[in-house]
PDB file of all heavy atoms in Angstrom:
ATOM      1  N   SER A   1     -10.538 -12.711  -1.969  1.00  0.00           N
ATOM      2  CA  SER A   1      -9.204 -12.105  -1.965  1.00  0.00           C
ATOM      3  C   SER A   1      -9.253 -10.749  -1.255  1.00  0.00           C
ATOM      4  O   SER A   1      -8.207 -10.244  -0.836  1.00  0.00           O
ATOM      5  CB  SER A   1      -8.667 -11.949  -3.375  1.00  0.00           C
ATOM      6  OG  SER A   1      -9.545 -11.157  -4.144  1.00  0.00           O
ATOM      7  N   GLU A   2     -10.457 -10.182  -1.131  1.00  0.00           N
ATOM      8  CA  GLU A   2     -10.600  -8.846  -0.544  1.00  0.00           C
ATOM      9  C   GLU A   2     -11.573  -8.874   0.621  1.00  0.00           C
ATOM     10  O   GLU A   2     -12.581  -9.592   0.582  1.00  0.00           O
ATOM     11  CB  GLU A   2     -11.107  -7.846  -1.575  1.00  0.00           C
ATOM     12  CG  GLU A   2     -10.226  -7.741  -2.825  1.00  0.00           C
ATOM     13  CD  GLU A   2     -10.777  -6.727  -3.813  1.00  0.00           C
ATOM     14  OE1 GLU A   2     -11.159  -5.615  -3.378  1.00  0.00           O
ATOM     15  OE2 GLU A   2     -10.851  -7.065  -5.022  1.00  0.00           O
ATOM     16  N   VAL A   3     -11.272  -8.071   1.633  1.00  0.00           N
ATOM     17  CA  VAL A   3     -12.184  -7.866   2.763  1.00  0.00           C
ATOM     18  C   VAL A   3     -12.731  -6.443   2.667  1.00  0.00           C
ATOM     19  O   VAL A   3     -11.959  -5.476   2.509  1.00  0.00           O
ATOM     20  CB  VAL A   3     -11.521  -8.084   4.114  1.00  0.00           C
ATOM     21  CG1 VAL A   3     -12.531  -7.888   5.250  1.00  0.00           C
ATOM     22  CG2 VAL A   3     -10.932  -9.496   4.194  1.00  0.00           C
ATOM     23  N   PHE A   4     -14.028  -6.311   2.756  1.00  0.00           N
ATOM     24  CA  PHE A   4     -14.743  -5.043   2.681  1.00  0.00           C
ATOM     25  C   PHE A   4     -15.377  -4.817   4.065  1.00  0.00           C
ATOM     26  O   PHE A   4     -16.250  -5.580   4.483  1.00  0.00           O
ATOM     27  CB  PHE A   4     -15.802  -5.190   1.577  1.00  0.00           C
ATOM     28  CG  PHE A   4     -16.638  -3.944   1.330  1.00  0.00           C
ATOM     29  CD1 PHE A   4     -17.457  -3.898   0.189  1.00  0.00           C
ATOM     30  CD2 PHE A   4     -16.698  -2.851   2.158  1.00  0.00           C
ATOM     31  CE1 PHE A   4     -18.239  -2.821  -0.086  1.00  0.00           C
ATOM     32  CE2 PHE A   4     -17.475  -1.758   1.900  1.00  0.00           C
ATOM     33  CZ  PHE A   4     -18.261  -1.734   0.779  1.00  0.00           C
ATOM     34  N   ILE A   5     -14.921  -3.780   4.778  1.00  0.00           N
ATOM     35  CA  ILE A   5     -15.371  -3.560   6.154  1.00  0.00           C
ATOM     36  C   ILE A   5     -16.239  -2.305   6.245  1.00  0.00           C
ATOM     37  O   ILE A   5     -15.753  -1.207   6.046  1.00  0.00           O
ATOM     38  CB  ILE A   5     -14.183  -3.405   7.123  1.00  0.00           C
ATOM     39  CG1 ILE A   5     -13.214  -4.593   6.998  1.00  0.00           C
ATOM     40  CG2 ILE A   5     -14.660  -3.269   8.552  1.00  0.00           C
ATOM     41  CD1 ILE A   5     -11.974  -4.485   7.858  1.00  0.00           C
ATOM     42  N   PRO A   6     -17.545  -2.465   6.566  1.00  0.00           N
ATOM     43  CA  PRO A   6     -18.360  -1.290   6.887  1.00  0.00           C
ATOM     44  C   PRO A   6     -18.108  -0.906   8.355  1.00  0.00           C
ATOM     45  O   PRO A   6     -18.056  -1.765   9.235  1.00  0.00           O
ATOM     46  CB  PRO A   6     -19.806  -1.783   6.696  1.00  0.00           C
ATOM     47  CG  PRO A   6     -19.701  -3.187   6.164  1.00  0.00           C
ATOM     48  CD  PRO A   6     -18.340  -3.679   6.526  1.00  0.00           C
ATOM     49  N   ILE A   7     -17.935   0.389   8.587  1.00  0.00           N
ATOM     50  CA  ILE A   7     -17.711   0.890   9.953  1.00  0.00           C
ATOM     51  C   ILE A   7     -18.707   2.030  10.228  1.00  0.00           C
ATOM     52  O   ILE A   7     -18.735   3.001   9.471  1.00  0.00           O
ATOM     53  CB  ILE A   7     -16.277   1.411  10.146  1.00  0.00           C
ATOM     54  CG1 ILE A   7     -15.274   0.265   9.957  1.00  0.00           C
ATOM     55  CG2 ILE A   7     -16.084   2.034  11.519  1.00  0.00           C
ATOM     56  CD1 ILE A   7     -13.821   0.703  10.103  1.00  0.00           C
ATOM     57  N   GLN A   8     -19.492   1.897  11.279  1.00  0.00           N
ATOM     58  CA  GLN A   8     -20.462   2.939  11.574  1.00  0.00           C
ATOM     59  C   GLN A   8     -19.758   4.128  12.250  1.00  0.00           C
ATOM     60  O   GLN A   8     -18.777   3.958  12.989  1.00  0.00           O
ATOM     61  CB  GLN A   8     -21.580   2.402  12.492  1.00  0.00           C
ATOM     62  CG  GLN A   8     -21.101   2.003  13.878  1.00  0.00           C
ATOM     63  CD  GLN A   8     -22.181   1.361  14.713  1.00  0.00           C
ATOM     64  OE1 GLN A   8     -21.985   0.281  15.267  1.00  0.00           O
ATOM     65  NE2 GLN A   8     -23.312   1.990  14.784  1.00  0.00           N
ATOM     66  N   CYS A   9     -20.252   5.311  11.994  1.00  0.00           N
ATOM     67  CA  CYS A   9     -19.658   6.532  12.539  1.00  0.00           C
ATOM     68  C   CYS A   9     -20.183   6.806  13.943  1.00  0.00           C
ATOM     69  O   CYS A   9     -20.884   7.804  14.192  1.00  0.00           O
ATOM     70  CB  CYS A   9     -19.933   7.710  11.595  1.00  0.00           C
ATOM     71  SG  CYS A   9     -19.127   7.543  10.022  1.00  0.00           S
ATOM     72  N   GLU A  10     -19.867   5.906  14.866  1.00  0.00           N
ATOM     73  CA  GLU A  10     -20.317   6.064  16.240  1.00  0.00           C
ATOM     74  C   GLU A  10     -19.160   5.689  17.179  1.00  0.00           C
ATOM     75  O   GLU A  10     -18.107   5.220  16.751  1.00  0.00           O
ATOM     76  CB  GLU A  10     -21.549   5.186  16.500  1.00  0.00           C
ATOM     77  CG  GLU A  10     -22.757   5.643  15.716  1.00  0.00           C
ATOM     78  CD  GLU A  10     -24.028   4.946  16.104  1.00  0.00           C
ATOM     79  OE1 GLU A  10     -23.985   4.052  16.969  1.00  0.00           O
ATOM     80  OE2 GLU A  10     -25.088   5.269  15.537  1.00  0.00           O
ATOM     81  N   TYR A  11     -19.416   5.883  18.467  1.00  0.00           N
ATOM     82  CA  TYR A  11     -18.339   5.849  19.467  1.00  0.00           C
ATOM     83  C   TYR A  11     -17.567   4.511  19.458  1.00  0.00           C
ATOM     84  O   TYR A  11     -16.342   4.500  19.565  1.00  0.00           O
ATOM     85  CB  TYR A  11     -18.930   6.082  20.848  1.00  0.00           C
ATOM     86  CG  TYR A  11     -17.893   6.106  21.967  1.00  0.00           C
ATOM     87  CD1 TYR A  11     -17.020   7.174  22.095  1.00  0.00           C
ATOM     88  CD2 TYR A  11     -17.787   5.033  22.837  1.00  0.00           C
ATOM     89  CE1 TYR A  11     -16.068   7.177  23.100  1.00  0.00           C
ATOM     90  CE2 TYR A  11     -16.841   5.038  23.839  1.00  0.00           C
ATOM     91  CZ  TYR A  11     -15.984   6.090  23.969  1.00  0.00           C
ATOM     92  OH  TYR A  11     -15.031   6.106  24.938  1.00  0.00           O
ATOM     93  N   TYR A  12     -18.278   3.402  19.292  1.00  0.00           N
ATOM     94  CA  TYR A  12     -17.618   2.105  19.380  1.00  0.00           C
ATOM     95  C   TYR A  12     -17.146   1.593  18.014  1.00  0.00           C
ATOM     96  O   TYR A  12     -16.919   0.400  17.814  1.00  0.00           O
ATOM     97  CB  TYR A  12     -18.572   1.066  19.989  1.00  0.00           C
ATOM     98  CG  TYR A  12     -18.910   1.360  21.438  1.00  0.00           C
ATOM     99  CD1 TYR A  12     -20.208   1.680  21.812  1.00  0.00           C
ATOM    100  CD2 TYR A  12     -17.949   1.284  22.433  1.00  0.00           C
ATOM    101  CE1 TYR A  12     -20.538   1.947  23.115  1.00  0.00           C
ATOM    102  CE2 TYR A  12     -18.256   1.558  23.772  1.00  0.00           C
ATOM    103  CZ  TYR A  12     -19.545   1.883  24.091  1.00  0.00           C
ATOM    104  OH  TYR A  12     -19.867   2.145  25.410  1.00  0.00           O
ATOM    105  N   ALA A  13     -17.007   2.498  17.076  1.00  0.00           N
ATOM    106  CA  ALA A  13     -16.703   2.100  15.691  1.00  0.00           C
ATOM    107  C   ALA A  13     -15.453   1.214  15.577  1.00  0.00           C
ATOM    108  O   ALA A  13     -15.449   0.209  14.886  1.00  0.00           O
ATOM    109  CB  ALA A  13     -16.526   3.327  14.824  1.00  0.00           C
ATOM    110  N   LEU A  14     -14.393   1.603  16.274  1.00  0.00           N
ATOM    111  CA  LEU A  14     -13.128   0.874  16.133  1.00  0.00           C
ATOM    112  C   LEU A  14     -12.978  -0.239  17.146  1.00  0.00           C
ATOM    113  O   LEU A  14     -11.983  -0.972  17.141  1.00  0.00           O
ATOM    114  CB  LEU A  14     -11.948   1.861  16.274  1.00  0.00           C
ATOM    115  CG  LEU A  14     -11.908   2.962  15.215  1.00  0.00           C
ATOM    116  CD1 LEU A  14     -10.764   3.934  15.488  1.00  0.00           C
ATOM    117  CD2 LEU A  14     -11.797   2.385  13.833  1.00  0.00           C
ATOM    118  N   GLU A  15     -13.980  -0.365  18.041  1.00  0.00           N
ATOM    119  CA  GLU A  15     -13.908  -1.433  19.056  1.00  0.00           C
ATOM    120  C   GLU A  15     -14.035  -2.804  18.359  1.00  0.00           C
ATOM    121  O   GLU A  15     -14.970  -3.038  17.626  1.00  0.00           O
ATOM    122  CB  GLU A  15     -15.002  -1.275  20.094  1.00  0.00           C
ATOM    123  CG  GLU A  15     -14.869  -2.233  21.262  1.00  0.00           C
ATOM    124  CD  GLU A  15     -15.876  -1.918  22.365  1.00  0.00           C
ATOM    125  OE1 GLU A  15     -15.683  -0.961  23.112  1.00  0.00           O
ATOM    126  OE2 GLU A  15     -16.889  -2.635  22.432  1.00  0.00           O
ATOM    127  N   GLY A  16     -13.133  -3.676  18.606  1.00  0.00           N
ATOM    128  CA  GLY A  16     -13.181  -4.994  17.989  1.00  0.00           C
ATOM    129  C   GLY A  16     -12.529  -5.056  16.633  1.00  0.00           C
ATOM    130  O   GLY A  16     -12.319  -6.137  16.097  1.00  0.00           O
ATOM    131  N   LEU A  17     -12.235  -3.889  16.034  1.00  0.00           N
ATOM    132  CA  LEU A  17     -11.644  -3.909  14.692  1.00  0.00           C
ATOM    133  C   LEU A  17     -10.245  -4.521  14.713  1.00  0.00           C
ATOM    134  O   LEU A  17      -9.853  -5.226  13.795  1.00  0.00           O
ATOM    135  CB  LEU A  17     -11.606  -2.487  14.130  1.00  0.00           C
ATOM    136  CG  LEU A  17     -11.113  -2.354  12.683  1.00  0.00           C
ATOM    137  CD1 LEU A  17     -11.957  -3.175  11.734  1.00  0.00           C
ATOM    138  CD2 LEU A  17     -11.102  -0.898  12.259  1.00  0.00           C
ATOM    139  N   SER A  18      -9.509  -4.243  15.801  1.00  0.00           N
ATOM    140  CA  SER A  18      -8.154  -4.807  15.875  1.00  0.00           C
ATOM    141  C   SER A  18      -8.212  -6.332  15.911  1.00  0.00           C
ATOM    142  O   SER A  18      -7.381  -7.017  15.304  1.00  0.00           O
ATOM    143  CB  SER A  18      -7.438  -4.276  17.119  1.00  0.00           C
ATOM    144  OG  SER A  18      -8.137  -4.632  18.296  1.00  0.00           O
ATOM    145  N   GLN A  19      -9.210  -6.901  16.610  1.00  0.00           N
ATOM    146  CA  GLN A  19      -9.356  -8.354  16.651  1.00  0.00           C
ATOM    147  C   GLN A  19      -9.708  -8.909  15.265  1.00  0.00           C
ATOM    148  O   GLN A  19      -9.216  -9.949  14.859  1.00  0.00           O
ATOM    149  CB  GLN A  19     -10.405  -8.765  17.668  1.00  0.00           C
ATOM    150  CG  GLN A  19     -10.539 -10.274  17.886  1.00  0.00           C
ATOM    151  CD  GLN A  19      -9.217 -10.903  18.354  1.00  0.00           C
ATOM    152  OE1 GLN A  19      -8.569 -10.371  19.275  1.00  0.00           O
ATOM    153  NE2 GLN A  19      -8.829 -11.998  17.744  1.00  0.00           N
ATOM    154  N   LEU A  20     -10.571  -8.176  14.564  1.00  0.00           N
ATOM    155  CA  LEU A  20     -10.941  -8.590  13.198  1.00  0.00           C
ATOM    156  C   LEU A  20      -9.725  -8.606  12.323  1.00  0.00           C
ATOM    157  O   LEU A  20      -9.489  -9.556  11.569  1.00  0.00           O
ATOM    158  CB  LEU A  20     -12.005  -7.646  12.643  1.00  0.00           C
ATOM    159  CG  LEU A  20     -12.369  -7.847  11.169  1.00  0.00           C
ATOM    160  CD1 LEU A  20     -12.983  -9.198  10.935  1.00  0.00           C
ATOM    161  CD2 LEU A  20     -13.336  -6.737  10.719  1.00  0.00           C
ATOM    162  N   LEU A  21      -8.885  -7.584  12.408  1.00  0.00           N
ATOM    163  CA  LEU A  21      -7.681  -7.498  11.593  1.00  0.00           C
ATOM    164  C   LEU A  21      -6.683  -8.614  11.941  1.00  0.00           C
ATOM    165  O   LEU A  21      -6.023  -9.162  11.061  1.00  0.00           O
ATOM    166  CB  LEU A  21      -7.026  -6.118  11.761  1.00  0.00           C
ATOM    167  CG  LEU A  21      -7.841  -4.933  11.255  1.00  0.00           C
ATOM    168  CD1 LEU A  21      -7.156  -3.638  11.585  1.00  0.00           C
ATOM    169  CD2 LEU A  21      -8.098  -5.046   9.753  1.00  0.00           C
ATOM    170  N   LYS A  22      -6.605  -8.965  13.217  1.00  0.00           N
ATOM    171  CA  LYS A  22      -5.752 -10.058  13.642  1.00  0.00           C
ATOM    172  C   LYS A  22      -6.212 -11.389  13.024  1.00  0.00           C
ATOM    173  O   LYS A  22      -5.416 -12.219  12.578  1.00  0.00           O
ATOM    174  CB  LYS A  22      -5.728 -10.163  15.151  1.00  0.00           C
ATOM    175  CG  LYS A  22      -4.928  -9.081  15.848  1.00  0.00           C
ATOM    176  CD  LYS A  22      -4.993  -9.240  17.364  1.00  0.00           C
ATOM    177  CE  LYS A  22      -4.257  -8.102  18.042  1.00  0.00           C
ATOM    178  NZ  LYS A  22      -4.372  -8.175  19.544  1.00  0.00           N
ATOM    179  N   ASN A  23      -7.540 -11.591  13.022  1.00  0.00           N
ATOM    180  CA  ASN A  23      -8.088 -12.817  12.455  1.00  0.00           C
ATOM    181  C   ASN A  23      -7.878 -12.851  10.929  1.00  0.00           C
ATOM    182  O   ASN A  23      -7.605 -13.927  10.377  1.00  0.00           O
ATOM    183  CB  ASN A  23      -9.575 -12.939  12.786  1.00  0.00           C
ATOM    184  CG  ASN A  23      -9.812 -13.463  14.191  1.00  0.00           C
ATOM    185  OD1 ASN A  23      -9.821 -14.668  14.426  1.00  0.00           O
ATOM    186  ND2 ASN A  23      -9.991 -12.548  15.114  1.00  0.00           N
ATOM    187  N   ILE A  24      -8.020 -11.718  10.297  1.00  0.00           N
ATOM    188  CA  ILE A  24      -7.755 -11.668   8.846  1.00  0.00           C
ATOM    189  C   ILE A  24      -6.305 -12.017   8.565  1.00  0.00           C
ATOM    190  O   ILE A  24      -5.990 -12.762   7.645  1.00  0.00           O
ATOM    191  CB  ILE A  24      -8.077 -10.267   8.304  1.00  0.00           C
ATOM    192  CG1 ILE A  24      -9.594 -10.031   8.334  1.00  0.00           C
ATOM    193  CG2 ILE A  24      -7.551 -10.089   6.876  1.00  0.00           C
ATOM    194  CD1 ILE A  24      -9.999  -8.599   8.058  1.00  0.00           C
ATOM    195  N   GLU A  25      -5.391 -11.523   9.414  1.00  0.00           N
ATOM    196  CA  GLU A  25      -3.975 -11.813   9.241  1.00  0.00           C
ATOM    197  C   GLU A  25      -3.693 -13.292   9.461  1.00  0.00           C
ATOM    198  O   GLU A  25      -2.879 -13.904   8.759  1.00  0.00           O
ATOM    199  CB  GLU A  25      -3.157 -10.967  10.223  1.00  0.00           C
ATOM    200  CG  GLU A  25      -1.662 -11.202  10.166  1.00  0.00           C
ATOM    201  CD  GLU A  25      -1.048 -10.923   8.798  1.00  0.00           C
ATOM    202  OE1 GLU A  25      -1.643 -10.133   8.016  1.00  0.00           O
ATOM    203  OE2 GLU A  25      -0.006 -11.522   8.490  1.00  0.00           O
ATOM    204  N   LEU A  26      -4.393 -13.932  10.423  1.00  0.00           N
ATOM    205  CA  LEU A  26      -4.193 -15.364  10.664  1.00  0.00           C
ATOM    206  C   LEU A  26      -4.660 -16.174   9.460  1.00  0.00           C
ATOM    207  O   LEU A  26      -3.988 -17.123   9.048  1.00  0.00           O
ATOM    208  CB  LEU A  26      -4.982 -15.788  11.914  1.00  0.00           C
ATOM    209  CG  LEU A  26      -4.352 -15.430  13.265  1.00  0.00           C
ATOM    210  CD1 LEU A  26      -5.332 -15.736  14.412  1.00  0.00           C
ATOM    211  CD2 LEU A  26      -3.029 -16.183  13.471  1.00  0.00           C
ATOM    212  N   VAL A  27      -5.803 -15.809   8.914  1.00  0.00           N
ATOM    213  CA  VAL A  27      -6.300 -16.507   7.729  1.00  0.00           C
ATOM    214  C   VAL A  27      -5.331 -16.301   6.557  1.00  0.00           C
ATOM    215  O   VAL A  27      -5.033 -17.230   5.795  1.00  0.00           O
ATOM    216  CB  VAL A  27      -7.717 -16.008   7.346  1.00  0.00           C
ATOM    217  CG1 VAL A  27      -8.166 -16.598   6.011  1.00  0.00           C
ATOM    218  CG2 VAL A  27      -8.714 -16.384   8.442  1.00  0.00           C
ATOM    219  N   ARG A  28      -4.862 -15.065   6.391  1.00  0.00           N
ATOM    220  CA  ARG A  28      -3.906 -14.763   5.317  1.00  0.00           C
ATOM    221  C   ARG A  28      -2.637 -15.606   5.467  1.00  0.00           C
ATOM    222  O   ARG A  28      -2.107 -16.149   4.469  1.00  0.00           O
ATOM    223  CB  ARG A  28      -3.561 -13.291   5.329  1.00  0.00           C
ATOM    224  CG  ARG A  28      -2.785 -12.821   4.093  1.00  0.00           C
ATOM    225  CD  ARG A  28      -2.209 -11.452   4.296  1.00  0.00           C
ATOM    226  NE  ARG A  28      -1.168 -11.430   5.298  1.00  0.00           N
ATOM    227  CZ  ARG A  28       0.066 -11.898   5.101  1.00  0.00           C
ATOM    228  NH1 ARG A  28       0.428 -12.358   3.930  1.00  0.00           N
ATOM    229  NH2 ARG A  28       0.943 -11.866   6.059  1.00  0.00           N
ATOM    230  N   LYS A  29      -2.176 -15.778   6.679  1.00  0.00           N
ATOM    231  CA  LYS A  29      -0.917 -16.483   6.920  1.00  0.00           C
ATOM    232  C   LYS A  29      -1.062 -17.984   6.729  1.00  0.00           C
ATOM    233  O   LYS A  29      -0.158 -18.638   6.196  1.00  0.00           O
ATOM    234  CB  LYS A  29      -0.461 -16.178   8.349  1.00  0.00           C
ATOM    235  CG  LYS A  29       0.886 -16.789   8.703  1.00  0.00           C
ATOM    236  CD  LYS A  29       1.344 -16.366  10.094  1.00  0.00           C
ATOM    237  CE  LYS A  29       2.688 -16.932  10.445  1.00  0.00           C
ATOM    238  NZ  LYS A  29       3.122 -16.523  11.808  1.00  0.00           N
ATOM    239  N   HIS A  30      -2.205 -18.538   7.148  1.00  0.00           N
ATOM    240  CA  HIS A  30      -2.313 -20.006   7.178  1.00  0.00           C
ATOM    241  C   HIS A  30      -3.212 -20.594   6.082  1.00  0.00           C
ATOM    242  O   HIS A  30      -3.045 -21.770   5.720  1.00  0.00           O
ATOM    243  CB  HIS A  30      -2.861 -20.464   8.544  1.00  0.00           C
ATOM    244  CG  HIS A  30      -1.953 -20.135   9.682  1.00  0.00           C
ATOM    245  ND1 HIS A  30      -0.776 -20.802   9.930  1.00  0.00           N
ATOM    246  CD2 HIS A  30      -2.064 -19.190  10.649  1.00  0.00           C
ATOM    247  CE1 HIS A  30      -0.174 -20.284  11.006  1.00  0.00           C
ATOM    248  NE2 HIS A  30      -0.941 -19.316  11.449  1.00  0.00           N
ATOM    249  N   LEU A  31      -4.153 -19.807   5.557  1.00  0.00           N
ATOM    250  CA  LEU A  31      -5.137 -20.403   4.651  1.00  0.00           C
ATOM    251  C   LEU A  31      -5.268 -19.694   3.290  1.00  0.00           C
ATOM    252  O   LEU A  31      -5.600 -20.325   2.299  1.00  0.00           O
ATOM    253  CB  LEU A  31      -6.532 -20.433   5.317  1.00  0.00           C
ATOM    254  CG  LEU A  31      -6.663 -21.322   6.552  1.00  0.00           C
ATOM    255  CD1 LEU A  31      -7.992 -21.017   7.273  1.00  0.00           C
ATOM    256  CD2 LEU A  31      -6.601 -22.778   6.160  1.00  0.00           C
ATOM    257  N   ASN A  32      -5.061 -18.372   3.271  1.00  0.00           N
ATOM    258  CA  ASN A  32      -5.318 -17.614   2.037  1.00  0.00           C
ATOM    259  C   ASN A  32      -4.364 -16.426   1.942  1.00  0.00           C
ATOM    260  O   ASN A  32      -4.669 -15.315   2.367  1.00  0.00           O
ATOM    261  CB  ASN A  32      -6.783 -17.137   2.039  1.00  0.00           C
ATOM    262  CG  ASN A  32      -7.126 -16.389   0.763  1.00  0.00           C
ATOM    263  OD1 ASN A  32      -6.363 -16.306  -0.180  1.00  0.00           O
ATOM    264  ND2 ASN A  32      -8.352 -15.839   0.734  1.00  0.00           N
ATOM    265  N   PRO A  33      -3.180 -16.640   1.338  1.00  0.00           N
ATOM    266  CA  PRO A  33      -2.181 -15.563   1.282  1.00  0.00           C
ATOM    267  C   PRO A  33      -2.632 -14.338   0.501  1.00  0.00           C
ATOM    268  O   PRO A  33      -2.072 -13.251   0.686  1.00  0.00           O
ATOM    269  CB  PRO A  33      -1.015 -16.254   0.551  1.00  0.00           C
ATOM    270  CG  PRO A  33      -1.220 -17.708   0.713  1.00  0.00           C
ATOM    271  CD  PRO A  33      -2.706 -17.895   0.777  1.00  0.00           C
ATOM    272  N   ALA A  34      -3.648 -14.450  -0.341  1.00  0.00           N
ATOM    273  CA  ALA A  34      -4.098 -13.324  -1.148  1.00  0.00           C
ATOM    274  C   ALA A  34      -5.036 -12.390  -0.398  1.00  0.00           C
ATOM    275  O   ALA A  34      -5.355 -11.296  -0.870  1.00  0.00           O
ATOM    276  CB  ALA A  34      -4.796 -13.841  -2.410  1.00  0.00           C
ATOM    277  N   LEU A  35      -5.503 -12.782   0.785  1.00  0.00           N
ATOM    278  CA  LEU A  35      -6.500 -12.023   1.508  1.00  0.00           C
ATOM    279  C   LEU A  35      -5.926 -10.697   2.029  1.00  0.00           C
ATOM    280  O   LEU A  35      -4.830 -10.667   2.620  1.00  0.00           O
ATOM    281  CB  LEU A  35      -7.037 -12.832   2.676  1.00  0.00           C
ATOM    282  CG  LEU A  35      -8.262 -12.261   3.394  1.00  0.00           C
ATOM    283  CD1 LEU A  35      -9.481 -12.259   2.496  1.00  0.00           C
ATOM    284  CD2 LEU A  35      -8.544 -13.061   4.692  1.00  0.00           C
TER     285      LEU A  35
END
């Protein structure tokens, strides 16, 4: 029901995070509304 995201404190920290959040939203919408 929860996603726990470790993020390193370096230059590319947020790179790819938007795609991860989009995938989490897709799973929430179609497979797991509690996520």
